[in-house]
Amino acid sequence: MKKIIAGLGLMLLSTVLYAKPYVCVAYTDGVASEEPMTVNATKTPIAEDKAYDRLRKKGKKVDYVKCK
């Protein structure tokens, strides 16, 4: 049991260590429609998905999100 808990802890720690902040901008009809937001993710596509989901939960209509 201790080995399972230790393994899960190491897995979570390694995921957090590889995550980095991305600045994402939402676009509607080709024009930036929201203020840039910061999202922590391991890769750009994951950051774009997270930012898109956050905006959708707020009720915002967005065509796409671009992160750098």
N, C-alpha and C. Protein backbone atom coordinates (compact mmCIF):
# COMPACT_ATOMS: atom_id res chain seq x y z
N MET A 1 0.82 -1.19 0.00
CA MET A 1 0.00 0.00 0.00
C MET A 1 0.86 1.26 0.00
N LYS A 2 1.94 1.24 0.77
CA LYS A 2 2.83 2.39 0.83
C LYS A 2 3.50 2.64 -0.52
N LYS A 3 3.82 1.56 -1.22
CA LYS A 3 4.46 1.69 -2.54
C LYS A 3 3.50 2.33 -3.54
N ILE A 4 2.23 1.99 -3.47
CA ILE A 4 1.23 2.56 -4.38
C ILE A 4 1.09 4.05 -4.11
N ILE A 5 0.99 4.43 -2.86
CA ILE A 5 0.85 5.84 -2.50
C ILE A 5 2.10 6.62 -2.91
N ALA A 6 3.27 6.05 -2.67
CA ALA A 6 4.52 6.71 -3.06
C ALA A 6 4.60 6.86 -4.58
N GLY A 7 4.18 5.85 -5.31
CA GLY A 7 4.19 5.91 -6.77
C GLY A 7 3.26 6.98 -7.30
N LEU A 8 2.06 7.07 -6.74
CA LEU A 8 1.12 8.10 -7.15
C LEU A 8 1.65 9.50 -6.83
N GLY A 9 2.28 9.64 -5.67
CA GLY A 9 2.85 10.93 -5.30
C GLY A 9 3.95 11.36 -6.25
N LEU A 10 4.82 10.44 -6.63
CA LEU A 10 5.89 10.75 -7.57
C LEU A 10 5.34 11.10 -8.95
N MET A 11 4.30 10.41 -9.36
CA MET A 11 3.69 10.68 -10.66
C MET A 11 3.09 12.09 -10.68
N LEU A 12 2.37 12.46 -9.64
CA LEU A 12 1.80 13.80 -9.56
C LEU A 12 2.87 14.87 -9.49
N LEU A 13 3.93 14.61 -8.75
CA LEU A 13 5.01 15.57 -8.63
C LEU A 13 5.71 15.79 -9.96
N SER A 14 5.95 14.72 -10.70
CA SER A 14 6.63 14.86 -11.98
C SER A 14 5.76 15.60 -12.99
N THR A 15 4.45 15.42 -12.95
CA THR A 15 3.55 16.12 -13.85
C THR A 15 3.56 17.62 -13.56
N VAL A 16 3.57 17.98 -12.31
CA VAL A 16 3.59 19.39 -11.92
C VAL A 16 4.91 20.04 -12.31
N LEU A 17 6.00 19.32 -12.19
CA LEU A 17 7.31 19.87 -12.52
C LEU A 17 7.46 20.18 -14.00
N TYR A 18 6.83 19.39 -14.86
CA TYR A 18 6.95 19.61 -16.30
C TYR A 18 5.98 20.66 -16.82
N ALA A 19 4.98 21.01 -16.06
CA ALA A 19 4.01 22.02 -16.49
C ALA A 19 4.66 23.40 -16.48
N LYS A 20 4.33 24.19 -17.49
CA LYS A 20 4.84 25.56 -17.56
C LYS A 20 3.70 26.48 -17.95
N PRO A 21 3.84 27.76 -17.63
CA PRO A 21 2.76 28.70 -17.94
C PRO A 21 2.72 29.08 -19.42
N TYR A 22 1.54 29.11 -19.99
CA TYR A 22 1.29 29.56 -21.36
C TYR A 22 0.35 30.76 -21.30
N VAL A 23 0.59 31.75 -22.15
CA VAL A 23 -0.31 32.90 -22.26
C VAL A 23 -1.21 32.64 -23.47
N CYS A 24 -2.51 32.62 -23.23
CA CYS A 24 -3.47 32.25 -24.27
C CYS A 24 -4.40 33.42 -24.58
N VAL A 25 -4.72 33.57 -25.86
CA VAL A 25 -5.63 34.61 -26.33
C VAL A 25 -6.77 33.94 -27.08
N ALA A 26 -8.00 34.34 -26.77
CA ALA A 26 -9.18 33.79 -27.43
C ALA A 26 -9.55 34.67 -28.62
N TYR A 27 -10.01 34.04 -29.70
CA TYR A 27 -10.38 34.76 -30.92
C TYR A 27 -11.81 34.42 -31.33
N THR A 28 -12.52 35.46 -31.75
CA THR A 28 -13.86 35.31 -32.33
C THR A 28 -13.87 36.09 -33.64
N ASP A 29 -14.22 35.44 -34.72
CA ASP A 29 -14.21 36.04 -36.06
C ASP A 29 -12.84 36.63 -36.42
N GLY A 30 -11.76 35.98 -36.00
CA GLY A 30 -10.41 36.41 -36.33
C GLY A 30 -9.89 37.58 -35.52
N VAL A 31 -10.65 38.05 -34.54
CA VAL A 31 -10.25 39.19 -33.71
C VAL A 31 -10.14 38.73 -32.26
N ALA A 32 -9.09 39.18 -31.57
CA ALA A 32 -8.94 38.83 -30.16
C ALA A 32 -10.15 39.34 -29.39
N SER A 33 -10.82 38.43 -28.69
CA SER A 33 -12.08 38.80 -28.04
C SER A 33 -11.99 38.86 -26.52
N GLU A 34 -10.94 38.34 -25.96
CA GLU A 34 -10.79 38.31 -24.50
C GLU A 34 -9.40 38.79 -24.14
N GLU A 35 -9.22 39.14 -22.89
CA GLU A 35 -7.90 39.48 -22.38
C GLU A 35 -7.05 38.19 -22.34
N PRO A 36 -5.75 38.31 -22.53
CA PRO A 36 -4.90 37.12 -22.44
C PRO A 36 -5.01 36.47 -21.06
N MET A 37 -5.02 35.15 -21.05
CA MET A 37 -5.08 34.42 -19.78
C MET A 37 -3.89 33.48 -19.69
N THR A 38 -3.47 33.20 -18.48
CA THR A 38 -2.35 32.30 -18.24
C THR A 38 -2.87 30.94 -17.82
N VAL A 39 -2.33 29.90 -18.46
CA VAL A 39 -2.74 28.52 -18.19
C VAL A 39 -1.48 27.69 -17.98
N ASN A 40 -1.47 26.82 -17.00
CA ASN A 40 -0.34 25.90 -16.78
C ASN A 40 -0.64 24.58 -17.47
N ALA A 41 0.30 24.15 -18.31
CA ALA A 41 0.14 22.88 -19.03
C ALA A 41 1.51 22.36 -19.45
N THR A 42 1.53 21.11 -19.89
CA THR A 42 2.78 20.51 -20.33
C THR A 42 3.06 20.78 -21.80
N LYS A 43 2.01 20.95 -22.61
CA LYS A 43 2.16 21.18 -24.05
C LYS A 43 1.18 22.25 -24.51
N THR A 44 1.47 22.86 -25.66
CA THR A 44 0.62 23.92 -26.20
C THR A 44 -0.82 23.46 -26.47
N PRO A 45 -1.04 22.30 -27.13
CA PRO A 45 -2.43 21.88 -27.37
C PRO A 45 -3.23 21.68 -26.09
N ILE A 46 -2.58 21.21 -25.04
CA ILE A 46 -3.27 21.02 -23.76
C ILE A 46 -3.63 22.37 -23.16
N ALA A 47 -2.72 23.34 -23.28
CA ALA A 47 -3.00 24.69 -22.77
C ALA A 47 -4.17 25.31 -23.52
N GLU A 48 -4.22 25.12 -24.84
CA GLU A 48 -5.32 25.67 -25.64
C GLU A 48 -6.65 25.03 -25.24
N ASP A 49 -6.65 23.73 -25.01
CA ASP A 49 -7.87 23.05 -24.56
C ASP A 49 -8.34 23.56 -23.20
N LYS A 50 -7.40 23.74 -22.28
CA LYS A 50 -7.76 24.23 -20.95
C LYS A 50 -8.34 25.64 -21.02
N ALA A 51 -7.70 26.50 -21.80
CA ALA A 51 -8.19 27.88 -21.91
C ALA A 51 -9.57 27.90 -22.57
N TYR A 52 -9.76 27.11 -23.60
CA TYR A 52 -11.06 27.04 -24.29
C TYR A 52 -12.14 26.55 -23.33
N ASP A 53 -11.83 25.52 -22.55
CA ASP A 53 -12.80 24.99 -21.58
C ASP A 53 -13.16 26.02 -20.51
N ARG A 54 -12.17 26.77 -20.03
CA ARG A 54 -12.44 27.80 -19.02
C ARG A 54 -13.38 28.86 -19.57
N LEU A 55 -13.14 29.29 -20.80
CA LEU A 55 -14.00 30.31 -21.40
C LEU A 55 -15.40 29.77 -21.65
N ARG A 56 -15.49 28.53 -22.10
CA ARG A 56 -16.80 27.92 -22.35
C ARG A 56 -17.60 27.80 -21.05
N LYS A 57 -16.93 27.47 -19.95
CA LYS A 57 -17.61 27.38 -18.66
C LYS A 57 -18.12 28.73 -18.19
N LYS A 58 -17.42 29.81 -18.59
CA LYS A 58 -17.87 31.16 -18.24
C LYS A 58 -19.02 31.63 -19.14
N GLY A 59 -19.33 30.86 -20.19
CA GLY A 59 -20.42 31.22 -21.08
C GLY A 59 -19.98 32.10 -22.25
N LYS A 60 -18.69 32.18 -22.51
CA LYS A 60 -18.17 32.99 -23.61
C LYS A 60 -18.19 32.18 -24.90
N LYS A 61 -18.54 32.84 -26.01
CA LYS A 61 -18.48 32.19 -27.33
C LYS A 61 -17.14 32.52 -27.96
N VAL A 62 -16.36 31.49 -28.26
CA VAL A 62 -15.03 31.66 -28.81
C VAL A 62 -14.84 30.70 -29.97
N ASP A 63 -14.22 31.19 -31.07
CA ASP A 63 -13.96 30.31 -32.20
C ASP A 63 -12.74 29.41 -31.93
N TYR A 64 -11.67 30.03 -31.45
CA TYR A 64 -10.47 29.26 -31.12
C TYR A 64 -9.59 30.02 -30.15
N VAL A 65 -8.61 29.30 -29.59
CA VAL A 65 -7.69 29.88 -28.62
C VAL A 65 -6.27 29.60 -29.11
N LYS A 66 -5.41 30.58 -29.02
CA LYS A 66 -4.00 30.45 -29.44
C LYS A 66 -3.12 30.71 -28.23
N CYS A 67 -2.20 29.78 -27.94
CA CYS A 67 -1.31 29.92 -26.78
C CYS A 67 0.15 29.99 -27.22
N LYS A 68 0.92 30.76 -26.47
CA LYS A 68 2.38 30.86 -26.70
C LYS A 68 3.10 30.54 -25.43
